Amino acid sequence: MTYSELGRTGIKVSRCCLGTMTWGSQNSEAEAHAQMDYALERGVNFWDTAEMYS
């Protein structure tokens, strides 16, 4: 996984982001947890938690 520094915070975030907008409507809670586990196992540490986009 490739990481980028988040501004000048010293925090490194994965260049790949996991979107969560459809969780709860198109995914079950169990499926969401499985997706998070899968992403974490591959080094993803950046979640997009926006509920909707304009």
PDB file of N, CA and C in Angstrom:
ATOM      1  N   MET A   1       0.844  -1.173   0.000  1.00  0.00           N
ATOM      2  CA  MET A   1       0.000   0.000   0.000  1.00  0.00           C
ATOM      3  C   MET A   1       0.889   1.236   0.000  1.00  0.00           C
ATOM      4  N   THR A   2       0.487   2.228  -0.741  1.00  0.00           N
ATOM      5  CA  THR A   2       1.192   3.509  -0.779  1.00  0.00           C
ATOM      6  C   THR A   2       0.489   4.473   0.158  1.00  0.00           C
ATOM      7  N   TYR A   3       1.283   5.234   0.922  1.00  0.00           N
ATOM      8  CA  TYR A   3       0.727   6.188   1.884  1.00  0.00           C
ATOM      9  C   TYR A   3       1.213   7.592   1.558  1.00  0.00           C
ATOM     10  N   SER A   4       0.411   8.570   1.931  1.00  0.00           N
ATOM     11  CA  SER A   4       0.774   9.980   1.789  1.00  0.00           C
ATOM     12  C   SER A   4       0.610  10.647   3.140  1.00  0.00           C
ATOM     13  N   GLU A   5       1.468  11.628   3.402  1.00  0.00           N
ATOM     14  CA  GLU A   5       1.356  12.364   4.654  1.00  0.00           C
ATOM     15  C   GLU A   5       0.181  13.330   4.553  1.00  0.00           C
ATOM     16  N   LEU A   6      -0.598  13.407   5.619  1.00  0.00           N
ATOM     17  CA  LEU A   6      -1.776  14.264   5.672  1.00  0.00           C
ATOM     18  C   LEU A   6      -1.346  15.656   6.145  1.00  0.00           C
ATOM     19  N   GLY A   7      -1.126  16.526   5.169  1.00  0.00           N
ATOM     20  CA  GLY A   7      -0.655  17.874   5.489  1.00  0.00           C
ATOM     21  C   GLY A   7       0.651  17.825   6.254  1.00  0.00           C
ATOM     22  N   ARG A   8       0.719  18.594   7.342  1.00  0.00           N
ATOM     23  CA  ARG A   8       1.920  18.604   8.181  1.00  0.00           C
ATOM     24  C   ARG A   8       1.667  17.914   9.517  1.00  0.00           C
ATOM     25  N   THR A   9       0.683  17.020   9.547  1.00  0.00           N
ATOM     26  CA  THR A   9       0.295  16.358  10.795  1.00  0.00           C
ATOM     27  C   THR A   9       1.228  15.225  11.199  1.00  0.00           C
ATOM     28  N   GLY A  10       1.961  14.676  10.239  1.00  0.00           N
ATOM     29  CA  GLY A  10       2.767  13.497  10.517  1.00  0.00           C
ATOM     30  C   GLY A  10       1.968  12.209  10.383  1.00  0.00           C
ATOM     31  N   ILE A  11       0.676  12.330  10.095  1.00  0.00           N
ATOM     32  CA  ILE A  11      -0.192  11.158   9.918  1.00  0.00           C
ATOM     33  C   ILE A  11      -0.085  10.691   8.475  1.00  0.00           C
ATOM     34  N   LYS A  12       0.091   9.391   8.289  1.00  0.00           N
ATOM     35  CA  LYS A  12       0.152   8.828   6.942  1.00  0.00           C
ATOM     36  C   LYS A  12      -1.150   8.078   6.660  1.00  0.00           C
ATOM     37  N   VAL A  13      -1.758   8.433   5.537  1.00  0.00           N
ATOM     38  CA  VAL A  13      -3.010   7.790   5.134  1.00  0.00           C
ATOM     39  C   VAL A  13      -2.796   7.049   3.823  1.00  0.00           C
ATOM     40  N   SER A  14      -3.536   5.977   3.662  1.00  0.00           N
ATOM     41  CA  SER A  14      -3.423   5.187   2.435  1.00  0.00           C
ATOM     42  C   SER A  14      -3.931   5.992   1.251  1.00  0.00           C
ATOM     43  N   ARG A  15      -3.307   5.791   0.102  1.00  0.00           N
ATOM     44  CA  ARG A  15      -3.731   6.480  -1.118  1.00  0.00           C
ATOM     45  C   ARG A  15      -5.053   5.908  -1.618  1.00  0.00           C
ATOM     46  N   CYS A  16      -5.376   4.724  -1.174  1.00  0.00           N
ATOM     47  CA  CYS A  16      -6.647   4.089  -1.505  1.00  0.00           C
ATOM     48  C   CYS A  16      -7.621   4.351  -0.352  1.00  0.00           C
ATOM     49  N   CYS A  17      -8.823   4.801  -0.680  1.00  0.00           N
ATOM     50  CA  CYS A  17      -9.818   5.155   0.338  1.00  0.00           C
ATOM     51  C   CYS A  17     -11.018   4.213   0.224  1.00  0.00           C
ATOM     52  N   LEU A  18     -11.576   3.832   1.359  1.00  0.00           N
ATOM     53  CA  LEU A  18     -12.764   2.981   1.372  1.00  0.00           C
ATOM     54  C   LEU A  18     -13.992   3.858   1.559  1.00  0.00           C
ATOM     55  N   GLY A  19     -14.871   3.905   0.567  1.00  0.00           N
ATOM     56  CA  GLY A  19     -16.113   4.668   0.654  1.00  0.00           C
ATOM     57  C   GLY A  19     -17.164   3.905   1.434  1.00  0.00           C
ATOM     58  N   THR A  20     -17.908   4.605   2.263  1.00  0.00           N
ATOM     59  CA  THR A  20     -18.887   3.943   3.136  1.00  0.00           C
ATOM     60  C   THR A  20     -20.314   4.443   2.916  1.00  0.00           C
ATOM     61  N   MET A  21     -20.535   5.275   1.897  1.00  0.00           N
ATOM     62  CA  MET A  21     -21.828   5.921   1.722  1.00  0.00           C
ATOM     63  C   MET A  21     -22.993   4.929   1.610  1.00  0.00           C
ATOM     64  N   THR A  22     -22.777   3.786   1.006  1.00  0.00           N
ATOM     65  CA  THR A  22     -23.883   2.856   0.765  1.00  0.00           C
ATOM     66  C   THR A  22     -24.137   1.908   1.941  1.00  0.00           C
ATOM     67  N   TRP A  23     -23.290   1.976   2.960  1.00  0.00           N
ATOM     68  CA  TRP A  23     -23.495   1.074   4.094  1.00  0.00           C
ATOM     69  C   TRP A  23     -24.800   1.418   4.795  1.00  0.00           C
ATOM     70  N   GLY A  24     -25.547   0.395   5.125  1.00  0.00           N
ATOM     71  CA  GLY A  24     -26.819   0.594   5.797  1.00  0.00           C
ATOM     72  C   GLY A  24     -27.997   0.624   4.848  1.00  0.00           C
ATOM     73  N   SER A  25     -27.741   0.888   3.559  1.00  0.00           N
ATOM     74  CA  SER A  25     -28.843   0.868   2.603  1.00  0.00           C
ATOM     75  C   SER A  25     -28.623  -0.188   1.521  1.00  0.00           C
ATOM     76  N   GLN A  26     -27.394  -0.335   1.071  1.00  0.00           N
ATOM     77  CA  GLN A  26     -27.096  -1.337   0.049  1.00  0.00           C
ATOM     78  C   GLN A  26     -26.270  -2.488   0.603  1.00  0.00           C
ATOM     79  N   ASN A  27     -25.774  -2.332   1.806  1.00  0.00           N
ATOM     80  CA  ASN A  27     -24.960  -3.374   2.452  1.00  0.00           C
ATOM     81  C   ASN A  27     -25.540  -3.652   3.836  1.00  0.00           C
ATOM     82  N   SER A  28     -25.399  -4.865   4.267  1.00  0.00           N
ATOM     83  CA  SER A  28     -25.775  -5.197   5.644  1.00  0.00           C
ATOM     84  C   SER A  28     -24.622  -4.812   6.573  1.00  0.00           C
ATOM     85  N   GLU A  29     -24.874  -4.784   7.860  1.00  0.00           N
ATOM     86  CA  GLU A  29     -23.813  -4.489   8.830  1.00  0.00           C
ATOM     87  C   GLU A  29     -22.696  -5.526   8.733  1.00  0.00           C
ATOM     88  N   ALA A  30     -23.067  -6.784   8.564  1.00  0.00           N
ATOM     89  CA  ALA A  30     -22.061  -7.849   8.451  1.00  0.00           C
ATOM     90  C   ALA A  30     -21.188  -7.655   7.215  1.00  0.00           C
ATOM     91  N   GLU A  31     -21.799  -7.267   6.087  1.00  0.00           N
ATOM     92  CA  GLU A  31     -21.025  -7.019   4.871  1.00  0.00           C
ATOM     93  C   GLU A  31     -20.084  -5.830   5.055  1.00  0.00           C
ATOM     94  N   ALA A  32     -20.545  -4.789   5.734  1.00  0.00           N
ATOM     95  CA  ALA A  32     -19.708  -3.613   5.987  1.00  0.00           C
ATOM     96  C   ALA A  32     -18.497  -3.991   6.835  1.00  0.00           C
ATOM     97  N   HIS A  33     -18.710  -4.784   7.869  1.00  0.00           N
ATOM     98  CA  HIS A  33     -17.594  -5.224   8.711  1.00  0.00           C
ATOM     99  C   HIS A  33     -16.610  -6.080   7.912  1.00  0.00           C
ATOM    100  N   ALA A  34     -17.127  -6.923   7.046  1.00  0.00           N
ATOM    101  CA  ALA A  34     -16.255  -7.757   6.210  1.00  0.00           C
ATOM    102  C   ALA A  34     -15.430  -6.887   5.261  1.00  0.00           C
ATOM    103  N   GLN A  35     -16.042  -5.835   4.714  1.00  0.00           N
ATOM    104  CA  GLN A  35     -15.318  -4.928   3.826  1.00  0.00           C
ATOM    105  C   GLN A  35     -14.234  -4.173   4.585  1.00  0.00           C
ATOM    106  N   MET A  36     -14.538  -3.715   5.796  1.00  0.00           N
ATOM    107  CA  MET A  36     -13.529  -3.025   6.607  1.00  0.00           C
ATOM    108  C   MET A  36     -12.371  -3.954   6.942  1.00  0.00           C
ATOM    109  N   ASP A  37     -12.673  -5.176   7.330  1.00  0.00           N
ATOM    110  CA  ASP A  37     -11.625  -6.156   7.640  1.00  0.00           C
ATOM    111  C   ASP A  37     -10.738  -6.397   6.426  1.00  0.00           C
ATOM    112  N   TYR A  38     -11.360  -6.556   5.275  1.00  0.00           N
ATOM    113  CA  TYR A  38     -10.629  -6.802   4.027  1.00  0.00           C
ATOM    114  C   TYR A  38      -9.694  -5.628   3.731  1.00  0.00           C
ATOM    115  N   ALA A  39     -10.212  -4.410   3.847  1.00  0.00           N
ATOM    116  CA  ALA A  39      -9.404  -3.223   3.570  1.00  0.00           C
ATOM    117  C   ALA A  39      -8.255  -3.089   4.573  1.00  0.00           C
ATOM    118  N   LEU A  40      -8.536  -3.273   5.852  1.00  0.00           N
ATOM    119  CA  LEU A  40      -7.490  -3.161   6.874  1.00  0.00           C
ATOM    120  C   LEU A  40      -6.376  -4.174   6.656  1.00  0.00           C
ATOM    121  N   GLU A  41      -6.736  -5.390   6.287  1.00  0.00           N
ATOM    122  CA  GLU A  41      -5.741  -6.436   6.035  1.00  0.00           C
ATOM    123  C   GLU A  41      -4.806  -6.061   4.881  1.00  0.00           C
ATOM    124  N   ARG A  42      -5.270  -5.168   4.011  1.00  0.00           N
ATOM    125  CA  ARG A  42      -4.470  -4.748   2.860  1.00  0.00           C
ATOM    126  C   ARG A  42      -3.842  -3.372   3.045  1.00  0.00           C
ATOM    127  N   GLY A  43      -3.958  -2.809   4.247  1.00  0.00           N
ATOM    128  CA  GLY A  43      -3.273  -1.563   4.561  1.00  0.00           C
ATOM    129  C   GLY A  43      -4.081  -0.298   4.398  1.00  0.00           C
ATOM    130  N   VAL A  44      -5.367  -0.405   4.045  1.00  0.00           N
ATOM    131  CA  VAL A  44      -6.198   0.788   3.908  1.00  0.00           C
ATOM    132  C   VAL A  44      -6.512   1.322   5.306  1.00  0.00           C
ATOM    133  N   ASN A  45      -6.239   2.615   5.518  1.00  0.00           N
ATOM    134  CA  ASN A  45      -6.538   3.223   6.817  1.00  0.00           C
ATOM    135  C   ASN A  45      -7.292   4.541   6.650  1.00  0.00           C
ATOM    136  N   PHE A  46      -7.902   4.747   5.490  1.00  0.00           N
ATOM    137  CA  PHE A  46      -8.581   5.983   5.144  1.00  0.00           C
ATOM    138  C   PHE A  46     -10.002   5.647   4.708  1.00  0.00           C
ATOM    139  N   TRP A  47     -10.989   6.085   5.491  1.00  0.00           N
ATOM    140  CA  TRP A  47     -12.398   5.820   5.203  1.00  0.00           C
ATOM    141  C   TRP A  47     -13.070   7.143   4.822  1.00  0.00           C
ATOM    142  N   ASP A  48     -13.867   7.124   3.780  1.00  0.00           N
ATOM    143  CA  ASP A  48     -14.697   8.272   3.406  1.00  0.00           C
ATOM    144  C   ASP A  48     -16.071   8.018   4.016  1.00  0.00           C
ATOM    145  N   THR A  49     -16.446   8.809   5.006  1.00  0.00           N
ATOM    146  CA  THR A  49     -17.688   8.557   5.742  1.00  0.00           C
ATOM    147  C   THR A  49     -18.817   9.532   5.383  1.00  0.00           C
ATOM    148  N   ALA A  50     -18.676  10.267   4.280  1.00  0.00           N
ATOM    149  CA  ALA A  50     -19.741  11.188   3.857  1.00  0.00           C
ATOM    150  C   ALA A  50     -21.024  10.404   3.619  1.00  0.00           C
ATOM    151  N   GLU A  51     -22.144  10.968   4.037  1.00  0.00           N
ATOM    152  CA  GLU A  51     -23.442  10.307   3.844  1.00  0.00           C
ATOM    153  C   GLU A  51     -24.026  10.566   2.479  1.00  0.00           C
ATOM    154  N   MET A  52     -23.650  11.683   1.858  1.00  0.00           N
ATOM    155  CA  MET A  52     -24.122  11.962   0.503  1.00  0.00           C
ATOM    156  C   MET A  52     -23.264  13.057  -0.120  1.00  0.00           C
ATOM    157  N   TYR A  53     -23.341  13.137  -1.411  1.00  0.00           N
ATOM    158  CA  TYR A  53     -22.608  14.159  -2.148  1.00  0.00           C
ATOM    159  C   TYR A  53     -23.604  15.008  -2.921  1.00  0.00           C
ATOM    160  N   SER A  54     -23.279  16.266  -3.070  1.00  0.00           N
ATOM    161  CA  SER A  54     -24.199  17.160  -3.788  1.00  0.00           C
ATOM    162  C   SER A  54     -24.120  16.949  -5.281  1.00  0.00           C
TER     163      SER A  54
END
